[in-house]
Amino acid sequence: MALARLGGDGLVARYSRRSVLVGGAALAAVSLAALLLAGQAVVGGVAFVLVGVGVGNPVPLLFSAAGRVPPAGPSLAAVFTIGYLGFILGPPVIGVLADALTLTAGLALVCAALVLVALLGGRAVGESRAAPEPLTGLAPDVDP
């Protein structure tokens, strides 16, 4: 995940925010689905590495997209709240599903959430290949 984040700006510059977010979430969803269907240790090791690579960039991209929605403070607060809510409630929900059904069913919920991010998350970040937009209004505009 750390290596994916370090290379994220280069990927966004080469492709686009939307492509990196959708591709990352899709990679994570497919990798986790392959793990759940195969159920073998070797597949699991590779799959978890690919899940980490896949989810490395969508989170920062979604946070930066929220920061571009005016007013930025409440927008960021909403995204952070949803993220922390998932961080706090996700493991217990997966555990309850694993206890009631199977661990595969619990992790399938994560896979479904990644599919939703791949399908809907691209709308939040836009198509831009550039770095995040510079702040405006900090210096007077100067015509060349």
C-alpha atoms as a PDB file:
ATOM      1  CA  MET A   1       0.000   0.000   0.000  1.00  0.00           C
ATOM      2  CA  ALA A   2       2.827   2.408   0.843  1.00  0.00           C
ATOM      3  CA  LEU A   3       4.523   1.799  -2.494  1.00  0.00           C
ATOM      4  CA  ALA A   4       1.233   2.341  -4.296  1.00  0.00           C
ATOM      5  CA  ARG A   5       0.754   5.673  -2.513  1.00  0.00           C
ATOM      6  CA  LEU A   6       4.281   6.775  -3.335  1.00  0.00           C
ATOM      7  CA  GLY A   7       3.608   6.091  -7.014  1.00  0.00           C
ATOM      8  CA  GLY A   8       0.093   7.503  -6.978  1.00  0.00           C
ATOM      9  CA  ASP A   9       0.949  10.995  -8.236  1.00  0.00           C
ATOM     10  CA  GLY A  10       2.785   9.494 -11.191  1.00  0.00           C
ATOM     11  CA  LEU A  11      -0.192   7.287 -12.010  1.00  0.00           C
ATOM     12  CA  VAL A  12      -2.590  10.244 -11.795  1.00  0.00           C
ATOM     13  CA  ALA A  13      -0.301  12.305 -14.043  1.00  0.00           C
ATOM     14  CA  ARG A  14      -0.118   9.496 -16.594  1.00  0.00           C
ATOM     15  CA  TYR A  15      -3.758   8.395 -16.527  1.00  0.00           C
ATOM     16  CA  SER A  16      -6.358  10.353 -14.545  1.00  0.00           C
ATOM     17  CA  ARG A  17      -7.780  10.542 -11.050  1.00  0.00           C
ATOM     18  CA  ARG A  18     -10.839   8.601 -12.162  1.00  0.00           C
ATOM     19  CA  SER A  19      -8.793   5.873 -13.847  1.00  0.00           C
ATOM     20  CA  VAL A  20      -6.529   5.431 -10.827  1.00  0.00           C
ATOM     21  CA  LEU A  21      -9.455   5.316  -8.393  1.00  0.00           C
ATOM     22  CA  VAL A  22     -11.621   2.981 -10.469  1.00  0.00           C
ATOM     23  CA  GLY A  23      -8.681   0.791 -11.483  1.00  0.00           C
ATOM     24  CA  GLY A  24      -7.400   0.531  -7.922  1.00  0.00           C
ATOM     25  CA  ALA A  25     -10.788  -0.337  -6.452  1.00  0.00           C
ATOM     26  CA  ALA A  26     -11.440  -2.834  -9.241  1.00  0.00           C
ATOM     27  CA  LEU A  27      -8.007  -4.440  -8.730  1.00  0.00           C
ATOM     28  CA  ALA A  28      -8.703  -4.765  -5.011  1.00  0.00           C
ATOM     29  CA  ALA A  29     -12.192  -6.201  -5.602  1.00  0.00           C
ATOM     30  CA  VAL A  30     -11.016  -8.747  -8.176  1.00  0.00           C
ATOM     31  CA  SER A  31      -8.032  -9.752  -6.028  1.00  0.00           C
ATOM     32  CA  LEU A  32     -10.182 -10.239  -2.941  1.00  0.00           C
ATOM     33  CA  ALA A  33     -12.778 -12.161  -4.963  1.00  0.00           C
ATOM     34  CA  ALA A  34     -10.022 -14.422  -6.341  1.00  0.00           C
ATOM     35  CA  LEU A  35      -8.816 -15.065  -2.797  1.00  0.00           C
ATOM     36  CA  LEU A  36     -12.309 -15.913  -1.597  1.00  0.00           C
ATOM     37  CA  LEU A  37     -12.971 -18.235  -4.513  1.00  0.00           C
ATOM     38  CA  ALA A  38      -9.589 -19.986  -4.504  1.00  0.00           C
ATOM     39  CA  GLY A  39      -9.085 -20.327  -0.762  1.00  0.00           C
ATOM     40  CA  GLN A  40      -5.411 -21.254  -1.093  1.00  0.00           C
ATOM     41  CA  ALA A  41      -2.503 -19.755   0.836  1.00  0.00           C
ATOM     42  CA  VAL A  42      -0.375 -18.858  -2.201  1.00  0.00           C
ATOM     43  CA  VAL A  43      -3.305 -17.137  -3.890  1.00  0.00           C
ATOM     44  CA  GLY A  44      -4.028 -15.397  -0.587  1.00  0.00           C
ATOM     45  CA  GLY A  45      -0.530 -13.961  -0.308  1.00  0.00           C
ATOM     46  CA  VAL A  46      -0.595 -12.556  -3.831  1.00  0.00           C
ATOM     47  CA  ALA A  47      -4.189 -11.391  -3.456  1.00  0.00           C
ATOM     48  CA  PHE A  48      -3.530  -9.432  -0.266  1.00  0.00           C
ATOM     49  CA  VAL A  49      -0.554  -7.681  -1.881  1.00  0.00           C
ATOM     50  CA  LEU A  50      -2.763  -6.726  -4.832  1.00  0.00           C
ATOM     51  CA  VAL A  51      -5.558  -5.570  -2.497  1.00  0.00           C
ATOM     52  CA  GLY A  52      -3.037  -3.291  -0.762  1.00  0.00           C
ATOM     53  CA  VAL A  53      -1.858  -1.903  -4.091  1.00  0.00           C
ATOM     54  CA  GLY A  54      -5.467  -1.434  -5.184  1.00  0.00           C
ATOM     55  CA  VAL A  55      -6.656   0.466  -2.115  1.00  0.00           C
ATOM     56  CA  GLY A  56      -3.488   2.538  -1.735  1.00  0.00           C
ATOM     57  CA  ASN A  57      -4.649   5.439  -3.892  1.00  0.00           C
ATOM     58  CA  PRO A  58      -8.457   5.606  -3.821  1.00  0.00           C
ATOM     59  CA  VAL A  59      -8.542   6.837  -0.206  1.00  0.00           C
ATOM     60  CA  PRO A  60      -6.251   9.869  -0.751  1.00  0.00           C
ATOM     61  CA  LEU A  61      -7.995  10.619  -4.048  1.00  0.00           C
ATOM     62  CA  LEU A  62     -11.397  10.672  -2.358  1.00  0.00           C
ATOM     63  CA  PHE A  63     -10.078  12.863   0.468  1.00  0.00           C
ATOM     64  CA  SER A  64      -8.584  15.335  -2.005  1.00  0.00           C
ATOM     65  CA  ALA A  65     -11.830  15.356  -4.010  1.00  0.00           C
ATOM     66  CA  ALA A  66     -13.731  16.240  -0.842  1.00  0.00           C
ATOM     67  CA  GLY A  67     -11.305  19.087  -0.238  1.00  0.00           C
ATOM     68  CA  ARG A  68     -12.212  20.551  -3.637  1.00  0.00           C
ATOM     69  CA  VAL A  69     -15.941  20.690  -2.823  1.00  0.00           C
ATOM     70  CA  PRO A  70     -16.808  24.074  -1.347  1.00  0.00           C
ATOM     71  CA  PRO A  71     -16.969  24.605   1.548  1.00  0.00           C
ATOM     72  CA  ALA A  72     -13.981  22.329   2.040  1.00  0.00           C
ATOM     73  CA  GLY A  73     -14.234  21.970   5.830  1.00  0.00           C
ATOM     74  CA  PRO A  74     -17.672  20.329   6.025  1.00  0.00           C
ATOM     75  CA  SER A  75     -16.961  18.270   2.894  1.00  0.00           C
ATOM     76  CA  LEU A  76     -13.768  16.855   4.364  1.00  0.00           C
ATOM     77  CA  ALA A  77     -15.467  16.290   7.705  1.00  0.00           C
ATOM     78  CA  ALA A  78     -18.201  14.244   6.023  1.00  0.00           C
ATOM     79  CA  VAL A  79     -15.707  12.064   4.144  1.00  0.00           C
ATOM     80  CA  PHE A  80     -13.527  11.559   7.220  1.00  0.00           C
ATOM     81  CA  THR A  81     -16.586  10.693   9.319  1.00  0.00           C
ATOM     82  CA  ILE A  82     -17.715   8.073   6.824  1.00  0.00           C
ATOM     83  CA  GLY A  83     -14.164   6.696   6.646  1.00  0.00           C
ATOM     84  CA  TYR A  84     -13.819   6.438  10.419  1.00  0.00           C
ATOM     85  CA  LEU A  85     -17.293   4.940  10.692  1.00  0.00           C
ATOM     86  CA  GLY A  86     -16.244   2.218   8.273  1.00  0.00           C
ATOM     87  CA  PHE A  87     -12.998   1.728  10.188  1.00  0.00           C
ATOM     88  CA  ILE A  88     -14.884   1.331  13.473  1.00  0.00           C
ATOM     89  CA  LEU A  89     -17.933  -0.627  12.298  1.00  0.00           C
ATOM     90  CA  GLY A  90     -16.366  -2.678   9.499  1.00  0.00           C
ATOM     91  CA  PRO A  91     -14.506  -5.277  11.576  1.00  0.00           C
ATOM     92  CA  PRO A  92     -17.435  -6.017  13.924  1.00  0.00           C
ATOM     93  CA  VAL A  93     -19.844  -6.325  10.989  1.00  0.00           C
ATOM     94  CA  ILE A  94     -17.438  -8.674   9.194  1.00  0.00           C
ATOM     95  CA  GLY A  95     -17.068 -10.654  12.427  1.00  0.00           C
ATOM     96  CA  VAL A  96     -20.827 -10.966  12.937  1.00  0.00           C
ATOM     97  CA  LEU A  97     -21.254 -12.167   9.355  1.00  0.00           C
ATOM     98  CA  ALA A  98     -18.353 -14.580   9.775  1.00  0.00           C
ATOM     99  CA  ASP A  99     -19.886 -15.931  12.982  1.00  0.00           C
ATOM    100  CA  ALA A 100     -23.381 -16.221  11.539  1.00  0.00           C
ATOM    101  CA  LEU A 101     -22.334 -17.495   8.104  1.00  0.00           C
ATOM    102  CA  THR A 102     -18.658 -17.840   7.154  1.00  0.00           C
ATOM    103  CA  LEU A 103     -15.548 -15.671   6.986  1.00  0.00           C
ATOM    104  CA  THR A 104     -15.900 -15.817   3.220  1.00  0.00           C
ATOM    105  CA  ALA A 105     -19.326 -14.181   3.530  1.00  0.00           C
ATOM    106  CA  GLY A 106     -17.916 -11.503   5.824  1.00  0.00           C
ATOM    107  CA  LEU A 107     -15.088 -10.673   3.454  1.00  0.00           C
ATOM    108  CA  ALA A 108     -17.479 -10.769   0.501  1.00  0.00           C
ATOM    109  CA  LEU A 109     -19.045  -7.661   2.051  1.00  0.00           C
ATOM    110  CA  VAL A 110     -15.684  -5.897   1.693  1.00  0.00           C
ATOM    111  CA  CYS A 111     -15.485  -7.111  -1.890  1.00  0.00           C
ATOM    112  CA  ALA A 112     -18.961  -5.700  -2.587  1.00  0.00           C
ATOM    113  CA  ALA A 113     -17.965  -2.356  -1.044  1.00  0.00           C
ATOM    114  CA  LEU A 114     -14.905  -2.234  -3.310  1.00  0.00           C
ATOM    115  CA  VAL A 115     -17.123  -2.903  -6.323  1.00  0.00           C
ATOM    116  CA  LEU A 116     -19.331   0.030  -5.260  1.00  0.00           C
ATOM    117  CA  VAL A 117     -16.282   2.280  -4.999  1.00  0.00           C
ATOM    118  CA  ALA A 118     -15.155   1.159  -8.458  1.00  0.00           C
ATOM    119  CA  LEU A 119     -18.608   1.833  -9.913  1.00  0.00           C
ATOM    120  CA  LEU A 120     -19.472   5.080  -8.137  1.00  0.00           C
ATOM    121  CA  GLY A 121     -16.255   6.560  -6.770  1.00  0.00           C
ATOM    122  CA  GLY A 122     -14.953   7.777 -10.107  1.00  0.00           C
ATOM    123  CA  ARG A 123     -17.741  10.337 -10.247  1.00  0.00           C
ATOM    124  CA  ALA A 124     -16.302  12.057  -7.185  1.00  0.00           C
ATOM    125  CA  VAL A 125     -12.762  12.651  -8.424  1.00  0.00           C
ATOM    126  CA  GLY A 126     -13.196  13.836 -12.016  1.00  0.00           C
ATOM    127  CA  GLU A 127     -11.034  13.206 -15.059  1.00  0.00           C
ATOM    128  CA  SER A 128      -8.095  15.509 -14.381  1.00  0.00           C
ATOM    129  CA  ARG A 129      -4.559  14.230 -14.868  1.00  0.00           C
ATOM    130  CA  ALA A 130      -3.020  17.247 -13.198  1.00  0.00           C
ATOM    131  CA  ALA A 131      -1.997  17.583  -9.600  1.00  0.00           C
ATOM    132  CA  PRO A 132      -4.695  18.947  -7.308  1.00  0.00           C
ATOM    133  CA  GLU A 133      -5.834  22.387  -8.394  1.00  0.00           C
ATOM    134  CA  PRO A 134      -3.876  25.268  -6.862  1.00  0.00           C
ATOM    135  CA  LEU A 135      -5.620  27.464  -4.346  1.00  0.00           C
ATOM    136  CA  THR A 136      -6.970  30.605  -5.963  1.00  0.00           C
ATOM    137  CA  GLY A 137      -7.164  34.049  -4.500  1.00  0.00           C
ATOM    138  CA  LEU A 138      -3.833  33.869  -2.675  1.00  0.00           C
ATOM    139  CA  ALA A 139      -2.054  36.289  -4.996  1.00  0.00           C
ATOM    140  CA  PRO A 140      -3.355  38.840  -7.483  1.00  0.00           C
ATOM    141  CA  ASP A 141      -3.603  37.662 -11.053  1.00  0.00           C
ATOM    142  CA  VAL A 142      -0.828  39.033 -13.217  1.00  0.00           C
ATOM    143  CA  ASP A 143      -1.185  39.206 -16.975  1.00  0.00           C
ATOM    144  CA  PRO A 144       1.998  38.357 -18.871  1.00  0.00           C
END
